Amino acid sequence: MTEGQLNAALKKTLDKALKLMAEKNVPRVYRNELCVKKNQFIHAYPDGKRFLIEQNQTNSKETILREL
């Protein structure tokens, strides 16, 4: 498999996974400069809403700090 073929196969798999996540309204989770603590993350939902959240490291409970 060439590098181009591998990239095409990976893109197809990623696109399929992102479509399934959108159908289930599962957010993409990432960190950026707004995440000033280790337990803060950005949740980006398929409808465009984004939230800065903080996750309790003991029980995984999430608290919305603000909508972005």
PDB file of N, CA and C in Angstrom:
ATOM      1  N   MET A   1       0.855  -1.176   0.000  1.00  0.00           N
ATOM      2  CA  MET A   1       0.000   0.000   0.000  1.00  0.00           C
ATOM      3  C   MET A   1       0.896   1.232   0.000  1.00  0.00           C
ATOM      4  N   THR A   2       0.600   2.143  -0.906  1.00  0.00           N
ATOM      5  CA  THR A   2       1.382   3.377  -0.963  1.00  0.00           C
ATOM      6  C   THR A   2       0.910   4.354   0.102  1.00  0.00           C
ATOM      7  N   GLU A   3       1.707   5.389   0.337  1.00  0.00           N
ATOM      8  CA  GLU A   3       1.332   6.403   1.331  1.00  0.00           C
ATOM      9  C   GLU A   3       0.016   7.085   0.939  1.00  0.00           C
ATOM     10  N   GLY A   4      -0.173   7.346  -0.346  1.00  0.00           N
ATOM     11  CA  GLY A   4      -1.408   7.960  -0.823  1.00  0.00           C
ATOM     12  C   GLY A   4      -2.623   7.079  -0.581  1.00  0.00           C
ATOM     13  N   GLN A   5      -2.460   5.783  -0.819  1.00  0.00           N
ATOM     14  CA  GLN A   5      -3.559   4.841  -0.586  1.00  0.00           C
ATOM     15  C   GLN A   5      -3.879   4.744   0.902  1.00  0.00           C
ATOM     16  N   LEU A   6      -2.840   4.732   1.716  1.00  0.00           N
ATOM     17  CA  LEU A   6      -3.042   4.678   3.165  1.00  0.00           C
ATOM     18  C   LEU A   6      -3.783   5.921   3.640  1.00  0.00           C
ATOM     19  N   ASN A   7      -3.357   7.084   3.172  1.00  0.00           N
ATOM     20  CA  ASN A   7      -4.032   8.330   3.561  1.00  0.00           C
ATOM     21  C   ASN A   7      -5.492   8.335   3.123  1.00  0.00           C
ATOM     22  N   ALA A   8      -5.774   7.835   1.933  1.00  0.00           N
ATOM     23  CA  ALA A   8      -7.159   7.776   1.440  1.00  0.00           C
ATOM     24  C   ALA A   8      -7.991   6.830   2.307  1.00  0.00           C
ATOM     25  N   ALA A   9      -7.413   5.677   2.672  1.00  0.00           N
ATOM     26  CA  ALA A   9      -8.135   4.716   3.509  1.00  0.00           C
ATOM     27  C   ALA A   9      -8.389   5.297   4.900  1.00  0.00           C
ATOM     28  N   LEU A  10      -7.387   5.978   5.459  1.00  0.00           N
ATOM     29  CA  LEU A  10      -7.558   6.602   6.774  1.00  0.00           C
ATOM     30  C   LEU A  10      -8.611   7.695   6.738  1.00  0.00           C
ATOM     31  N   LYS A  11      -8.616   8.510   5.670  1.00  0.00           N
ATOM     32  CA  LYS A  11      -9.606   9.579   5.544  1.00  0.00           C
ATOM     33  C   LYS A  11     -11.015   9.007   5.453  1.00  0.00           C
ATOM     34  N   LYS A  12     -11.181   7.940   4.681  1.00  0.00           N
ATOM     35  CA  LYS A  12     -12.497   7.293   4.544  1.00  0.00           C
ATOM     36  C   LYS A  12     -12.988   6.786   5.895  1.00  0.00           C
ATOM     37  N   THR A  13     -12.093   6.154   6.664  1.00  0.00           N
ATOM     38  CA  THR A  13     -12.450   5.638   7.986  1.00  0.00           C
ATOM     39  C   THR A  13     -12.796   6.783   8.931  1.00  0.00           C
ATOM     40  N   LEU A  14     -11.999   7.842   8.918  1.00  0.00           N
ATOM     41  CA  LEU A  14     -12.263   9.003   9.773  1.00  0.00           C
ATOM     42  C   LEU A  14     -13.598   9.662   9.420  1.00  0.00           C
ATOM     43  N   ASP A  15     -13.858   9.844   8.125  1.00  0.00           N
ATOM     44  CA  ASP A  15     -15.130  10.447   7.700  1.00  0.00           C
ATOM     45  C   ASP A  15     -16.320   9.616   8.178  1.00  0.00           C
ATOM     46  N   LYS A  16     -16.210   8.303   8.095  1.00  0.00           N
ATOM     47  CA  LYS A  16     -17.295   7.417   8.544  1.00  0.00           C
ATOM     48  C   LYS A  16     -17.504   7.556  10.051  1.00  0.00           C
ATOM     49  N   ALA A  17     -16.407   7.584  10.812  1.00  0.00           N
ATOM     50  CA  ALA A  17     -16.505   7.717  12.275  1.00  0.00           C
ATOM     51  C   ALA A  17     -17.106   9.070  12.660  1.00  0.00           C
ATOM     52  N   LEU A  18     -16.697  10.141  11.989  1.00  0.00           N
ATOM     53  CA  LEU A  18     -17.237  11.469  12.295  1.00  0.00           C
ATOM     54  C   LEU A  18     -18.726  11.553  11.955  1.00  0.00           C
ATOM     55  N   LYS A  19     -19.148  10.890  10.882  1.00  0.00           N
ATOM     56  CA  LYS A  19     -20.568  10.875  10.523  1.00  0.00           C
ATOM     57  C   LYS A  19     -21.382  10.154  11.600  1.00  0.00           C
ATOM     58  N   LEU A  20     -20.883   9.004  12.063  1.00  0.00           N
ATOM     59  CA  LEU A  20     -21.584   8.268  13.121  1.00  0.00           C
ATOM     60  C   LEU A  20     -21.659   9.089  14.405  1.00  0.00           C
ATOM     61  N   MET A  21     -20.578   9.778  14.741  1.00  0.00           N
ATOM     62  CA  MET A  21     -20.574  10.623  15.942  1.00  0.00           C
ATOM     63  C   MET A  21     -21.606  11.745  15.817  1.00  0.00           C
ATOM     64  N   ALA A  22     -21.694  12.350  14.640  1.00  0.00           N
ATOM     65  CA  ALA A  22     -22.657  13.434  14.420  1.00  0.00           C
ATOM     66  C   ALA A  22     -24.086  12.917  14.539  1.00  0.00           C
ATOM     67  N   GLU A  23     -24.350  11.740  14.002  1.00  0.00           N
ATOM     68  CA  GLU A  23     -25.686  11.159  14.081  1.00  0.00           C
ATOM     69  C   GLU A  23     -26.097  10.893  15.523  1.00  0.00           C
ATOM     70  N   LYS A  24     -25.128  10.594  16.379  1.00  0.00           N
ATOM     71  CA  LYS A  24     -25.414  10.310  17.789  1.00  0.00           C
ATOM     72  C   LYS A  24     -25.224  11.534  18.684  1.00  0.00           C
ATOM     73  N   ASN A  25     -24.929  12.696  18.071  1.00  0.00           N
ATOM     74  CA  ASN A  25     -24.703  13.956  18.786  1.00  0.00           C
ATOM     75  C   ASN A  25     -23.571  13.836  19.821  1.00  0.00           C
ATOM     76  N   VAL A  26     -22.553  13.077  19.457  1.00  0.00           N
ATOM     77  CA  VAL A  26     -21.372  12.926  20.315  1.00  0.00           C
ATOM     78  C   VAL A  26     -20.414  14.071  19.994  1.00  0.00           C
ATOM     79  N   PRO A  27     -19.944  14.797  21.011  1.00  0.00           N
ATOM     80  CA  PRO A  27     -19.055  15.923  20.729  1.00  0.00           C
ATOM     81  C   PRO A  27     -17.639  15.468  20.386  1.00  0.00           C
ATOM     82  N   ARG A  28     -16.967  16.309  19.599  1.00  0.00           N
ATOM     83  CA  ARG A  28     -15.522  16.158  19.449  1.00  0.00           C
ATOM     84  C   ARG A  28     -14.917  16.801  20.690  1.00  0.00           C
ATOM     85  N   VAL A  29     -13.941  16.187  21.268  1.00  0.00           N
ATOM     86  CA  VAL A  29     -13.327  16.683  22.504  1.00  0.00           C
ATOM     87  C   VAL A  29     -11.872  17.024  22.201  1.00  0.00           C
ATOM     88  N   TYR A  30     -11.487  18.235  22.578  1.00  0.00           N
ATOM     89  CA  TYR A  30     -10.107  18.650  22.357  1.00  0.00           C
ATOM     90  C   TYR A  30      -9.729  19.704  23.388  1.00  0.00           C
ATOM     91  N   ARG A  31      -8.481  20.090  23.382  1.00  0.00           N
ATOM     92  CA  ARG A  31      -7.976  21.124  24.279  1.00  0.00           C
ATOM     93  C   ARG A  31      -7.404  22.263  23.434  1.00  0.00           C
ATOM     94  N   ASN A  32      -7.503  23.490  23.978  1.00  0.00           N
ATOM     95  CA  ASN A  32      -6.844  24.634  23.353  1.00  0.00           C
ATOM     96  C   ASN A  32      -6.399  25.594  24.456  1.00  0.00           C
ATOM     97  N   GLU A  33      -6.081  26.822  24.090  1.00  0.00           N
ATOM     98  CA  GLU A  33      -5.556  27.782  25.067  1.00  0.00           C
ATOM     99  C   GLU A  33      -6.571  28.161  26.151  1.00  0.00           C
ATOM    100  N   LEU A  34      -7.843  27.902  25.949  1.00  0.00           N
ATOM    101  CA  LEU A  34      -8.861  28.184  26.969  1.00  0.00           C
ATOM    102  C   LEU A  34      -8.818  27.166  28.103  1.00  0.00           C
ATOM    103  N   CYS A  35      -8.220  26.040  27.847  1.00  0.00           N
ATOM    104  CA  CYS A  35      -8.128  24.958  28.840  1.00  0.00           C
ATOM    105  C   CYS A  35      -6.887  25.205  29.702  1.00  0.00           C
ATOM    106  N   VAL A  36      -7.081  25.959  30.783  1.00  0.00           N
ATOM    107  CA  VAL A  36      -5.941  26.364  31.611  1.00  0.00           C
ATOM    108  C   VAL A  36      -5.595  25.334  32.691  1.00  0.00           C
ATOM    109  N   LYS A  37      -6.482  24.386  32.929  1.00  0.00           N
ATOM    110  CA  LYS A  37      -6.224  23.302  33.876  1.00  0.00           C
ATOM    111  C   LYS A  37      -6.172  21.982  33.117  1.00  0.00           C
ATOM    112  N   LYS A  38      -5.500  20.969  33.697  1.00  0.00           N
ATOM    113  CA  LYS A  38      -5.391  19.657  33.049  1.00  0.00           C
ATOM    114  C   LYS A  38      -6.732  19.000  32.819  1.00  0.00           C
ATOM    115  N   ASN A  39      -7.719  19.333  33.650  1.00  0.00           N
ATOM    116  CA  ASN A  39      -9.016  18.660  33.566  1.00  0.00           C
ATOM    117  C   ASN A  39     -10.058  19.474  32.803  1.00  0.00           C
ATOM    118  N   GLN A  40      -9.622  20.434  32.012  1.00  0.00           N
ATOM    119  CA  GLN A  40     -10.546  21.232  31.209  1.00  0.00           C
ATOM    120  C   GLN A  40     -10.425  20.838  29.738  1.00  0.00           C
ATOM    121  N   PHE A  41     -11.586  20.808  29.064  1.00  0.00           N
ATOM    122  CA  PHE A  41     -11.648  20.388  27.665  1.00  0.00           C
ATOM    123  C   PHE A  41     -12.699  21.210  26.932  1.00  0.00           C
ATOM    124  N   ILE A  42     -12.609  21.210  25.611  1.00  0.00           N
ATOM    125  CA  ILE A  42     -13.635  21.800  24.753  1.00  0.00           C
ATOM    126  C   ILE A  42     -14.470  20.658  24.200  1.00  0.00           C
ATOM    127  N   HIS A  43     -15.794  20.788  24.286  1.00  0.00           N
ATOM    128  CA  HIS A  43     -16.723  19.852  23.648  1.00  0.00           C
ATOM    129  C   HIS A  43     -17.367  20.598  22.485  1.00  0.00           C
ATOM    130  N   ALA A  44     -17.163  20.118  21.268  1.00  0.00           N
ATOM    131  CA  ALA A  44     -17.741  20.719  20.067  1.00  0.00           C
ATOM    132  C   ALA A  44     -18.776  19.751  19.506  1.00  0.00           C
ATOM    133  N   TYR A  45     -20.037  20.190  19.506  1.00  0.00           N
ATOM    134  CA  TYR A  45     -21.141  19.337  19.054  1.00  0.00           C
ATOM    135  C   TYR A  45     -21.409  19.533  17.565  1.00  0.00           C
ATOM    136  N   PRO A  46     -21.999  18.539  16.906  1.00  0.00           N
ATOM    137  CA  PRO A  46     -22.281  18.621  15.473  1.00  0.00           C
ATOM    138  C   PRO A  46     -23.145  19.828  15.075  1.00  0.00           C
ATOM    139  N   ASP A  47     -23.988  20.320  15.984  1.00  0.00           N
ATOM    140  CA  ASP A  47     -24.837  21.467  15.655  1.00  0.00           C
ATOM    141  C   ASP A  47     -24.093  22.796  15.757  1.00  0.00           C
ATOM    142  N   GLY A  48     -22.796  22.752  16.081  1.00  0.00           N
ATOM    143  CA  GLY A  48     -21.986  23.963  16.145  1.00  0.00           C
ATOM    144  C   GLY A  48     -21.773  24.516  17.541  1.00  0.00           C
ATOM    145  N   LYS A  49     -22.528  24.029  18.513  1.00  0.00           N
ATOM    146  CA  LYS A  49     -22.350  24.514  19.879  1.00  0.00           C
ATOM    147  C   LYS A  49     -21.031  23.987  20.434  1.00  0.00           C
ATOM    148  N   ARG A  50     -20.364  24.858  21.211  1.00  0.00           N
ATOM    149  CA  ARG A  50     -19.096  24.486  21.834  1.00  0.00           C
ATOM    150  C   ARG A  50     -19.129  24.922  23.293  1.00  0.00           C
ATOM    151  N   PHE A  51     -18.577  24.088  24.147  1.00  0.00           N
ATOM    152  CA  PHE A  51     -18.562  24.366  25.574  1.00  0.00           C
ATOM    153  C   PHE A  51     -17.165  24.116  26.139  1.00  0.00           C
ATOM    154  N   LEU A  52     -16.779  24.964  27.094  1.00  0.00           N
ATOM    155  CA  LEU A  52     -15.600  24.714  27.899  1.00  0.00           C
ATOM    156  C   LEU A  52     -16.090  23.951  29.116  1.00  0.00           C
ATOM    157  N   ILE A  53     -15.555  22.755  29.323  1.00  0.00           N
ATOM    158  CA  ILE A  53     -16.019  21.928  30.441  1.00  0.00           C
ATOM    159  C   ILE A  53     -14.842  21.598  31.356  1.00  0.00           C
ATOM    160  N   GLU A  54     -15.205  21.245  32.582  1.00  0.00           N
ATOM    161  CA  GLU A  54     -14.207  20.768  33.534  1.00  0.00           C
ATOM    162  C   GLU A  54     -14.656  19.398  33.999  1.00  0.00           C
ATOM    163  N   GLN A  55     -13.749  18.449  34.003  1.00  0.00           N
ATOM    164  CA  GLN A  55     -14.093  17.081  34.376  1.00  0.00           C
ATOM    165  C   GLN A  55     -13.500  16.746  35.739  1.00  0.00           C
ATOM    166  N   ASN A  56     -14.357  16.256  36.629  1.00  0.00           N
ATOM    167  CA  ASN A  56     -13.909  15.798  37.940  1.00  0.00           C
ATOM    168  C   ASN A  56     -13.092  14.531  37.726  1.00  0.00           C
ATOM    169  N   GLN A  57     -11.845  14.561  38.137  1.00  0.00           N
ATOM    170  CA  GLN A  57     -10.945  13.435  37.887  1.00  0.00           C
ATOM    171  C   GLN A  57     -11.257  12.218  38.761  1.00  0.00           C
ATOM    172  N   THR A  58     -12.070  12.411  39.795  1.00  0.00           N
ATOM    173  CA  THR A  58     -12.423  11.296  40.675  1.00  0.00           C
ATOM    174  C   THR A  58     -13.573  10.469  40.122  1.00  0.00           C
ATOM    175  N   ASN A  59     -14.621  11.171  39.625  1.00  0.00           N
ATOM    176  CA  ASN A  59     -15.816  10.445  39.191  1.00  0.00           C
ATOM    177  C   ASN A  59     -16.215  10.724  37.733  1.00  0.00           C
ATOM    178  N   SER A  60     -15.405  11.476  37.010  1.00  0.00           N
ATOM    179  CA  SER A  60     -15.625  11.820  35.599  1.00  0.00           C
ATOM    180  C   SER A  60     -16.833  12.725  35.352  1.00  0.00           C
ATOM    181  N   LYS A  61     -17.457  13.271  36.405  1.00  0.00           N
ATOM    182  CA  LYS A  61     -18.580  14.201  36.228  1.00  0.00           C
ATOM    183  C   LYS A  61     -18.076  15.455  35.530  1.00  0.00           C
ATOM    184  N   GLU A  62     -18.866  15.921  34.566  1.00  0.00           N
ATOM    185  CA  GLU A  62     -18.483  17.100  33.799  1.00  0.00           C
ATOM    186  C   GLU A  62     -19.321  18.304  34.218  1.00  0.00           C
ATOM    187  N   THR A  63     -18.650  19.444  34.326  1.00  0.00           N
ATOM    188  CA  THR A  63     -19.314  20.708  34.644  1.00  0.00           C
ATOM    189  C   THR A  63     -19.052  21.664  33.496  1.00  0.00           C
ATOM    190  N   ILE A  64     -20.127  22.257  32.948  1.00  0.00           N
ATOM    191  CA  ILE A  64     -19.964  23.250  31.884  1.00  0.00           C
ATOM    192  C   ILE A  64     -19.541  24.570  32.533  1.00  0.00           C
ATOM    193  N   LEU A  65     -18.388  25.084  32.107  1.00  0.00           N
ATOM    194  CA  LEU A  65     -17.913  26.360  32.636  1.00  0.00           C
ATOM    195  C   LEU A  65     -18.474  27.530  31.863  1.00  0.00           C
ATOM    196  N   ARG A  66     -18.554  27.361  30.518  1.00  0.00           N
ATOM    197  CA  ARG A  66     -19.199  28.386  29.690  1.00  0.00           C
ATOM    198  C   ARG A  66     -19.402  27.888  28.267  1.00  0.00           C
ATOM    199  N   GLU A  67     -20.380  28.507  27.607  1.00  0.00           N
ATOM    200  CA  GLU A  67     -20.607  28.220  26.191  1.00  0.00           C
ATOM    201  C   GLU A  67     -19.705  29.145  25.394  1.00  0.00           C
ATOM    202  N   LEU A  68     -19.118  28.607  24.353  1.00  0.00           N
ATOM    203  CA  LEU A  68     -18.184  29.395  23.524  1.00  0.00           C
ATOM    204  C   LEU A  68     -18.840  29.861  22.243  1.00  0.00           C
TER     205      LEU A  68
END
